PDB file of N, CA and C in Angstrom:
ATOM      1  N   UNK A   1     100.122 114.736 112.271  1.00  0.00           N
ATOM      2  CA  UNK A   1      98.713 114.458 112.479  1.00  0.00           C
ATOM      3  C   UNK A   1      98.412 113.056 111.944  1.00  0.00           C
ATOM      4  N   UNK A   2      97.722 112.287 112.727  1.00  0.00           N
ATOM      5  CA  UNK A   2      97.365 110.927 112.320  1.00  0.00           C
ATOM      6  C   UNK A   2      96.099 110.939 111.475  1.00  0.00           C
ATOM      7  N   UNK A   3      96.001 109.981 110.595  1.00  0.00           N
ATOM      8  CA  UNK A   3      94.814 109.799 109.762  1.00  0.00           C
ATOM      9  C   UNK A   3      94.269 108.408 110.007  1.00  0.00           C
ATOM     10  N   UNK A   4      92.984 108.269 109.912  1.00  0.00           N
ATOM     11  CA  UNK A   4      92.344 106.977 110.082  1.00  0.00           C
ATOM     12  C   UNK A   4      92.278 106.285 108.730  1.00  0.00           C
ATOM     13  N   UNK A   5      92.577 104.992 108.728  1.00  0.00           N
ATOM     14  CA  UNK A   5      92.503 104.178 107.523  1.00  0.00           C
ATOM     15  C   UNK A   5      91.631 102.983 107.839  1.00  0.00           C
ATOM     16  N   UNK A   6      90.590 102.809 107.068  1.00  0.00           N
ATOM     17  CA  UNK A   6      89.700 101.669 107.282  1.00  0.00           C
ATOM     18  C   UNK A   6      89.923 100.663 106.160  1.00  0.00           C
ATOM     19  N   UNK A   7      90.182  99.427 106.553  1.00  0.00           N
ATOM     20  CA  UNK A   7      90.429  98.364 105.595  1.00  0.00           C
ATOM     21  C   UNK A   7      89.489  97.210 105.916  1.00  0.00           C
ATOM     22  N   UNK A   8      88.761  96.768 104.919  1.00  0.00           N
ATOM     23  CA  UNK A   8      87.859  95.633 105.120  1.00  0.00           C
ATOM     24  C   UNK A   8      88.541  94.360 104.674  1.00  0.00           C
ATOM     25  N   UNK A   9      88.542  93.355 105.535  1.00  0.00           N
ATOM     26  CA  UNK A   9      89.129  92.057 105.211  1.00  0.00           C
ATOM     27  C   UNK A   9      88.110  90.980 105.565  1.00  0.00           C
ATOM     28  N   UNK A  10      88.183  89.843 104.886  1.00  0.00           N
ATOM     29  CA  UNK A  10      87.290  88.745 105.235  1.00  0.00           C
ATOM     30  C   UNK A  10      87.527  88.314 106.687  1.00  0.00           C
ATOM     31  N   UNK A  11      86.503  87.798 107.312  1.00  0.00           N
ATOM     32  CA  UNK A  11      86.588  87.452 108.733  1.00  0.00           C
ATOM     33  C   UNK A  11      87.702  86.449 109.019  1.00  0.00           C
ATOM     34  N   UNK A  12      87.864  85.446 108.150  1.00  0.00           N
ATOM     35  CA  UNK A  12      88.906  84.444 108.401  1.00  0.00           C
ATOM     36  C   UNK A  12      90.307  85.071 108.339  1.00  0.00           C
ATOM     37  N   UNK A  13      90.478  86.041 107.459  1.00  0.00           N
ATOM     38  CA  UNK A  13      91.769  86.730 107.375  1.00  0.00           C
ATOM     39  C   UNK A  13      91.994  87.586 108.622  1.00  0.00           C
ATOM     40  N   UNK A  14      90.931  88.217 109.096  1.00  0.00           N
ATOM     41  CA  UNK A  14      91.034  89.026 110.311  1.00  0.00           C
ATOM     42  C   UNK A  14      91.439  88.162 111.504  1.00  0.00           C
ATOM     43  N   UNK A  15      90.873  86.969 111.588  1.00  0.00           N
ATOM     44  CA  UNK A  15      91.205  86.059 112.685  1.00  0.00           C
ATOM     45  C   UNK A  15      92.692  85.689 112.632  1.00  0.00           C
ATOM     46  N   UNK A  16      93.220  85.464 111.424  1.00  0.00           N
ATOM     47  CA  UNK A  16      94.651  85.172 111.276  1.00  0.00           C
ATOM     48  C   UNK A  16      95.501  86.360 111.718  1.00  0.00           C
ATOM     49  N   UNK A  17      95.107  87.553 111.307  1.00  0.00           N
ATOM     50  CA  UNK A  17      95.842  88.762 111.681  1.00  0.00           C
ATOM     51  C   UNK A  17      95.784  88.952 113.196  1.00  0.00           C
ATOM     52  N   UNK A  18      94.625  88.726 113.756  1.00  0.00           N
ATOM     53  CA  UNK A  18      94.439  88.854 115.198  1.00  0.00           C
ATOM     54  C   UNK A  18      95.366  87.879 115.944  1.00  0.00           C
ATOM     55  N   UNK A  19      95.456  86.652 115.434  1.00  0.00           N
ATOM     56  CA  UNK A  19      96.342  85.661 116.049  1.00  0.00           C
ATOM     57  C   UNK A  19      97.803  86.062 115.949  1.00  0.00           C
ATOM     58  N   UNK A  20      98.193  86.577 114.786  1.00  0.00           N
ATOM     59  CA  UNK A  20      99.581  87.022 114.604  1.00  0.00           C
ATOM     60  C   UNK A  20      99.900  88.174 115.548  1.00  0.00           C
ATOM     61  N   UNK A  21      98.962  89.096 115.696  1.00  0.00           N
ATOM     62  CA  UNK A  21      99.169  90.232 116.600  1.00  0.00           C
ATOM     63  C   UNK A  21      99.280  89.745 118.042  1.00  0.00           C
ATOM     64  N   UNK A  22      98.455  88.811 118.406  1.00  0.00           N
ATOM     65  CA  UNK A  22      98.478  88.265 119.757  1.00  0.00           C
ATOM     66  C   UNK A  22      99.831  87.597 120.030  1.00  0.00           C
ATOM     67  N   UNK A  23     100.338  86.848 119.063  1.00  0.00           N
ATOM     68  CA  UNK A  23     101.639  86.189 119.220  1.00  0.00           C
ATOM     69  C   UNK A  23     102.753  87.202 119.431  1.00  0.00           C
ATOM     70  N   UNK A  24     102.618  88.366 118.800  1.00  0.00           N
ATOM     71  CA  UNK A  24     103.623  89.433 118.941  1.00  0.00           C
ATOM     72  C   UNK A  24     103.340  90.328 120.138  1.00  0.00           C
ATOM     73  N   UNK A  25     102.290  90.006 120.869  1.00  0.00           N
ATOM     74  CA  UNK A  25     101.875  90.791 122.045  1.00  0.00           C
ATOM     75  C   UNK A  25     101.645  92.254 121.701  1.00  0.00           C
ATOM     76  N   UNK A  26     100.856  92.463 120.637  1.00  0.00           N
ATOM     77  CA  UNK A  26     100.494  93.825 120.256  1.00  0.00           C
ATOM     78  C   UNK A  26      99.055  93.844 119.766  1.00  0.00           C
ATOM     79  N   UNK A  27      98.526  95.036 119.660  1.00  0.00           N
ATOM     80  CA  UNK A  27      97.165  95.167 119.151  1.00  0.00           C
ATOM     81  C   UNK A  27      97.152  94.888 117.654  1.00  0.00           C
ATOM     82  N   UNK A  28      95.974  94.600 117.145  1.00  0.00           N
ATOM     83  CA  UNK A  28      95.831  94.402 115.703  1.00  0.00           C
ATOM     84  C   UNK A  28      96.252  95.668 114.970  1.00  0.00           C
ATOM     85  N   UNK A  29      95.862  96.815 115.488  1.00  0.00           N
ATOM     86  CA  UNK A  29      96.204  98.086 114.827  1.00  0.00           C
ATOM     87  C   UNK A  29      97.720  98.266 114.732  1.00  0.00           C
ATOM     88  N   UNK A  30      98.433  97.999 115.832  1.00  0.00           N
ATOM     89  CA  UNK A  30      99.888  98.167 115.807  1.00  0.00           C
ATOM     90  C   UNK A  30     100.535  97.141 114.883  1.00  0.00           C
ATOM     91  N   UNK A  31     100.028  95.917 114.898  1.00  0.00           N
ATOM     92  CA  UNK A  31     100.564  94.875 114.020  1.00  0.00           C
ATOM     93  C   UNK A  31     100.404  95.282 112.555  1.00  0.00           C
ATOM     94  N   UNK A  32      99.235  95.808 112.215  1.00  0.00           N
ATOM     95  CA  UNK A  32      98.980  96.245 110.838  1.00  0.00           C
ATOM     96  C   UNK A  32      99.872  97.423 110.479  1.00  0.00           C
ATOM     97  N   UNK A  33     100.041  98.377 111.400  1.00  0.00           N
ATOM     98  CA  UNK A  33     100.926  99.523 111.122  1.00  0.00           C
ATOM     99  C   UNK A  33     102.348  99.048 110.833  1.00  0.00           C
ATOM    100  N   UNK A  34     102.839  98.114 111.655  1.00  0.00           N
ATOM    101  CA  UNK A  34     104.199  97.615 111.442  1.00  0.00           C
ATOM    102  C   UNK A  34     104.307  96.842 110.124  1.00  0.00           C
ATOM    103  N   UNK A  35     103.287  96.046 109.809  1.00  0.00           N
ATOM    104  CA  UNK A  35     103.301  95.293 108.553  1.00  0.00           C
ATOM    105  C   UNK A  35     103.301  96.250 107.361  1.00  0.00           C
ATOM    106  N   UNK A  36     102.537  97.331 107.468  1.00  0.00           N
ATOM    107  CA  UNK A  36     102.498  98.307 106.388  1.00  0.00           C
ATOM    108  C   UNK A  36     103.835  99.029 106.255  1.00  0.00           C
ATOM    109  N   UNK A  37     104.464  99.381 107.375  1.00  0.00           N
ATOM    110  CA  UNK A  37     105.785 100.034 107.325  1.00  0.00           C
ATOM    111  C   UNK A  37     106.805  99.107 106.661  1.00  0.00           C
ATOM    112  N   UNK A  38     106.784  97.842 107.065  1.00  0.00           N
ATOM    113  CA  UNK A  38     107.727  96.875 106.506  1.00  0.00           C
ATOM    114  C   UNK A  38     107.496  96.704 105.000  1.00  0.00           C
ATOM    115  N   UNK A  39     106.260  96.592 104.597  1.00  0.00           N
ATOM    116  CA  UNK A  39     105.950  96.432 103.171  1.00  0.00           C
ATOM    117  C   UNK A  39     106.385  97.666 102.387  1.00  0.00           C
ATOM    118  N   UNK A  40     106.161  98.822 102.962  1.00  0.00           N
ATOM    119  CA  UNK A  40     106.541 100.068 102.291  1.00  0.00           C
ATOM    120  C   UNK A  40     108.043 100.181 102.163  1.00  0.00           C
ATOM    121  N   UNK A  41     108.780  99.850 103.198  1.00  0.00           N
ATOM    122  CA  UNK A  41     110.239  99.958 103.134  1.00  0.00           C
ATOM    123  C   UNK A  41     110.813  98.905 102.195  1.00  0.00           C
ATOM    124  N   UNK A  42     110.211  97.716 102.139  1.00  0.00           N
ATOM    125  CA  UNK A  42     110.676  96.676 101.209  1.00  0.00           C
ATOM    126  C   UNK A  42     110.469  97.108  99.764  1.00  0.00           C
ATOM    127  N   UNK A  43     109.334  97.731  99.469  1.00  0.00           N
ATOM    128  CA  UNK A  43     109.046  98.118  98.083  1.00  0.00           C
ATOM    129  C   UNK A  43     109.865  99.317  97.645  1.00  0.00           C
ATOM    130  N   UNK A  44     110.432 100.045  98.588  1.00  0.00           N
ATOM    131  CA  UNK A  44     111.250 101.205  98.236  1.00  0.00           C
ATOM    132  C   UNK A  44     112.702 100.831  97.975  1.00  0.00           C
ATOM    133  N   UNK A  45     113.038  99.540  98.065  1.00  0.00           N
ATOM    134  CA  UNK A  45     114.418  99.136  97.871  1.00  0.00           C
ATOM    135  C   UNK A  45     114.541  98.088  96.774  1.00  0.00           C
ATOM    136  N   UNK A  46     114.206  98.433  95.520  1.00  0.00           N
ATOM    137  CA  UNK A  46     114.321  97.442  94.456  1.00  0.00           C
ATOM    138  C   UNK A  46     115.760  97.027  94.219  1.00  0.00           C
ATOM    139  N   UNK A  47     116.715  97.894  94.549  1.00  0.00           N
ATOM    140  CA  UNK A  47     118.114  97.545  94.325  1.00  0.00           C
ATOM    141  C   UNK A  47     118.551  96.415  95.243  1.00  0.00           C
ATOM    142  N   UNK A  48     117.888  96.254  96.402  1.00  0.00           N
ATOM    143  CA  UNK A  48     118.244  95.164  97.303  1.00  0.00           C
ATOM    144  C   UNK A  48     118.049  93.819  96.627  1.00  0.00           C
ATOM    145  N   UNK A  49     116.907  93.663  95.938  1.00  0.00           N
ATOM    146  CA  UNK A  49     116.678  92.383  95.276  1.00  0.00           C
ATOM    147  C   UNK A  49     117.655  92.201  94.120  1.00  0.00           C
ATOM    148  N   UNK A  50     117.986  93.286  93.449  1.00  0.00           N
ATOM    149  CA  UNK A  50     118.979  93.212  92.378  1.00  0.00           C
ATOM    150  C   UNK A  50     120.340  92.848  92.958  1.00  0.00           C
ATOM    151  N   UNK A  51     120.693  93.495  94.059  1.00  0.00           N
ATOM    152  CA  UNK A  51     121.969  93.190  94.712  1.00  0.00           C
ATOM    153  C   UNK A  51     122.011  91.741  95.169  1.00  0.00           C
ATOM    154  N   UNK A  52     120.919  91.258  95.726  1.00  0.00           N
ATOM    155  CA  UNK A  52     120.867  89.867  96.186  1.00  0.00           C
ATOM    156  C   UNK A  52     121.040  88.907  95.027  1.00  0.00           C
ATOM    157  N   UNK A  53     120.415  89.212  93.908  1.00  0.00           N
ATOM    158  CA  UNK A  53     120.551  88.356  92.725  1.00  0.00           C
ATOM    159  C   UNK A  53     121.988  88.360  92.216  1.00  0.00           C
ATOM    160  N   UNK A  54     122.589  89.536  92.190  1.00  0.00           N
ATOM    161  CA  UNK A  54     123.973  89.622  91.730  1.00  0.00           C
ATOM    162  C   UNK A  54     124.922  88.877  92.668  1.00  0.00           C
ATOM    163  N   UNK A  55     124.670  88.971  93.985  1.00  0.00           N
ATOM    164  CA  UNK A  55     125.500  88.223  94.944  1.00  0.00           C
ATOM    165  C   UNK A  55     125.336  86.729  94.733  1.00  0.00           C
ATOM    166  N   UNK A  56     124.115  86.270  94.462  1.00  0.00           N
ATOM    167  CA  UNK A  56     123.869  84.841  94.228  1.00  0.00           C
ATOM    168  C   UNK A  56     124.591  84.368  92.974  1.00  0.00           C
ATOM    169  N   UNK A  57     124.565  85.178  91.930  1.00  0.00           N
ATOM    170  CA  UNK A  57     125.255  84.818  90.683  1.00  0.00           C
ATOM    171  C   UNK A  57     126.763  84.775  90.926  1.00  0.00           C
ATOM    172  N   UNK A  58     127.282  85.755  91.652  1.00  0.00           N
ATOM    173  CA  UNK A  58     128.726  85.787  91.938  1.00  0.00           C
ATOM    174  C   UNK A  58     129.130  84.570  92.753  1.00  0.00           C
ATOM    175  N   UNK A  59     128.318  84.206  93.746  1.00  0.00           N
ATOM    176  CA  UNK A  59     128.629  83.033  94.567  1.00  0.00           C
ATOM    177  C   UNK A  59     128.572  81.765  93.732  1.00  0.00           C
ATOM    178  N   UNK A  60     127.572  81.653  92.875  1.00  0.00           N
ATOM    179  CA  UNK A  60     127.436  80.458  92.037  1.00  0.00           C
ATOM    180  C   UNK A  60     128.587  80.334  91.058  1.00  0.00           C
ATOM    181  N   UNK A  61     129.109  81.456  90.612  1.00  0.00           N
ATOM    182  CA  UNK A  61     130.188  81.404  89.626  1.00  0.00           C
ATOM    183  C   UNK A  61     131.502  80.919  90.232  1.00  0.00           C
ATOM    184  N   UNK A  62     131.572  80.868  91.568  1.00  0.00           N
ATOM    185  CA  UNK A  62     132.780  80.384  92.237  1.00  0.00           C
ATOM    186  C   UNK A  62     132.863  78.857  92.247  1.00  0.00           C
ATOM    187  N   UNK A  63     131.755  78.194  91.958  1.00  0.00           N
ATOM    188  CA  UNK A  63     131.724  76.732  91.967  1.00  0.00           C
ATOM    189  C   UNK A  63     132.207  76.189  90.626  1.00  0.00           C
ATOM    190  N   UNK A  64     132.710  74.974  90.677  1.00  0.00           N
ATOM    191  CA  UNK A  64     133.145  74.324  89.442  1.00  0.00           C
ATOM    192  C   UNK A  64     132.311  73.061  89.253  1.00  0.00           C
ATOM    193  N   UNK A  65     131.599  73.007  88.189  1.00  0.00           N
ATOM    194  CA  UNK A  65     130.770  71.859  87.848  1.00  0.00           C
ATOM    195  C   UNK A  65     131.102  71.445  86.426  1.00  0.00           C
ATOM    196  N   UNK A  66     130.930  70.159  86.117  1.00  0.00           N
ATOM    197  CA  UNK A  66     131.154  69.762  84.728  1.00  0.00           C
ATOM    198  C   UNK A  66     130.109  70.419  83.833  1.00  0.00           C
ATOM    199  N   UNK A  67     130.558  70.975  82.744  1.00  0.00           N
ATOM    200  CA  UNK A  67     129.640  71.614  81.803  1.00  0.00           C
ATOM    201  C   UNK A  67     129.997  71.179  80.399  1.00  0.00           C
ATOM    202  N   UNK A  68     129.152  71.524  79.513  1.00  0.00           N
ATOM    203  CA  UNK A  68     129.399  71.210  78.101  1.00  0.00           C
ATOM    204  C   UNK A  68     128.738  72.298  77.267  1.00  0.00           C
ATOM    205  N   UNK A  69     129.021  72.258  76.023  1.00  0.00           N
ATOM    206  CA  UNK A  69     128.376  73.166  75.091  1.00  0.00           C
ATOM    207  C   UNK A  69     126.875  72.853  75.099  1.00  0.00           C
ATOM    208  N   UNK A  70     126.044  73.843  75.080  1.00  0.00           N
ATOM    209  CA  UNK A  70     124.595  73.644  75.163  1.00  0.00           C
ATOM    210  C   UNK A  70     124.075  72.774  74.025  1.00  0.00           C
ATOM    211  N   UNK A  71     124.602  72.957  72.834  1.00  0.00           N
ATOM    212  CA  UNK A  71     124.154  72.130  71.707  1.00  0.00           C
ATOM    213  C   UNK A  71     124.520  70.670  71.932  1.00  0.00           C
ATOM    214  N   UNK A  72     125.722  70.413  72.490  1.00  0.00           N
ATOM    215  CA  UNK A  72     126.128  69.031  72.798  1.00  0.00           C
ATOM    216  C   UNK A  72     125.201  68.423  73.859  1.00  0.00           C
ATOM    217  N   UNK A  73     124.892  69.201  74.889  1.00  0.00           N
ATOM    218  CA  UNK A  73     124.015  68.683  75.949  1.00  0.00           C
ATOM    219  C   UNK A  73     122.629  68.363  75.399  1.00  0.00           C
ATOM    220  N   UNK A  74     122.089  69.241  74.576  1.00  0.00           N
ATOM    221  CA  UNK A  74     120.761  68.991  74.009  1.00  0.00           C
ATOM    222  C   UNK A  74     120.775  67.756  73.107  1.00  0.00           C
ATOM    223  N   UNK A  75     121.848  67.581  72.353  1.00  0.00           N
ATOM    224  CA  UNK A  75     121.987  66.389  71.506  1.00  0.00           C
ATOM    225  C   UNK A  75     122.023  65.127  72.369  1.00  0.00           C
ATOM    226  N   UNK A  76     122.780  65.172  73.481  1.00  0.00           N
ATOM    227  CA  UNK A  76     122.852  64.030  74.391  1.00  0.00           C
ATOM    228  C   UNK A  76     121.488  63.731  75.012  1.00  0.00           C
ATOM    229  N   UNK A  77     120.777  64.763  75.375  1.00  0.00           N
ATOM    230  CA  UNK A  77     119.437  64.574  75.950  1.00  0.00           C
ATOM    231  C   UNK A  77     118.523  63.931  74.927  1.00  0.00           C
ATOM    232  N   UNK A  78     118.516  64.448  73.712  1.00  0.00           N
ATOM    233  CA  UNK A  78     117.678  63.881  72.654  1.00  0.00           C
ATOM    234  C   UNK A  78     118.078  62.449  72.372  1.00  0.00           C
ATOM    235  N   UNK A  79     119.375  62.160  72.360  1.00  0.00           N
ATOM    236  CA  UNK A  79     119.841  60.798  72.106  1.00  0.00           C
ATOM    237  C   UNK A  79     119.359  59.851  73.199  1.00  0.00           C
ATOM    238  N   UNK A  80     119.331  60.338  74.432  1.00  0.00           N
ATOM    239  CA  UNK A  80     118.844  59.516  75.540  1.00  0.00           C
ATOM    240  C   UNK A  80     117.363  59.197  75.399  1.00  0.00           C
ATOM    241  N   UNK A  81     116.604  60.136  74.903  1.00  0.00           N
ATOM    242  CA  UNK A  81     115.163  59.908  74.694  1.00  0.00           C
ATOM    243  C   UNK A  81     114.917  58.899  73.598  1.00  0.00           C
ATOM    244  N   UNK A  82     115.741  58.975  72.563  1.00  0.00           N
ATOM    245  CA  UNK A  82     115.593  58.049  71.438  1.00  0.00           C
ATOM    246  C   UNK A  82     115.979  56.650  71.869  1.00  0.00           C
ATOM    247  N   UNK A  83     117.026  56.506  72.698  1.00  0.00           N
ATOM    248  CA  UNK A  83     117.508  55.203  73.128  1.00  0.00           C
ATOM    249  C   UNK A  83     116.540  54.532  74.098  1.00  0.00           C
ATOM    250  N   UNK A  84     115.694  55.277  74.767  1.00  0.00           N
ATOM    251  CA  UNK A  84     114.784  54.699  75.762  1.00  0.00           C
ATOM    252  C   UNK A  84     113.707  53.864  75.141  1.00  0.00           C
TER     253      UNK A  84
END
């Protein structure tokens, strides 16, 4: 059984939504339903963002960049400020 949901939005926001729906060749109602489904499915998958972060860290760890001890780097930065 379907239920009616009434949502009030400012007119300028409605015009934007209307334009987006038109670009997708659908009604405003269908566009909103799809946007709500997408938002709901995205919020139900917190592990996806965690997985994405872990994949990014794993990929970054494959690179080799010059590094130094953090205390040495901070000392060098401070020394550069003093020399300026």
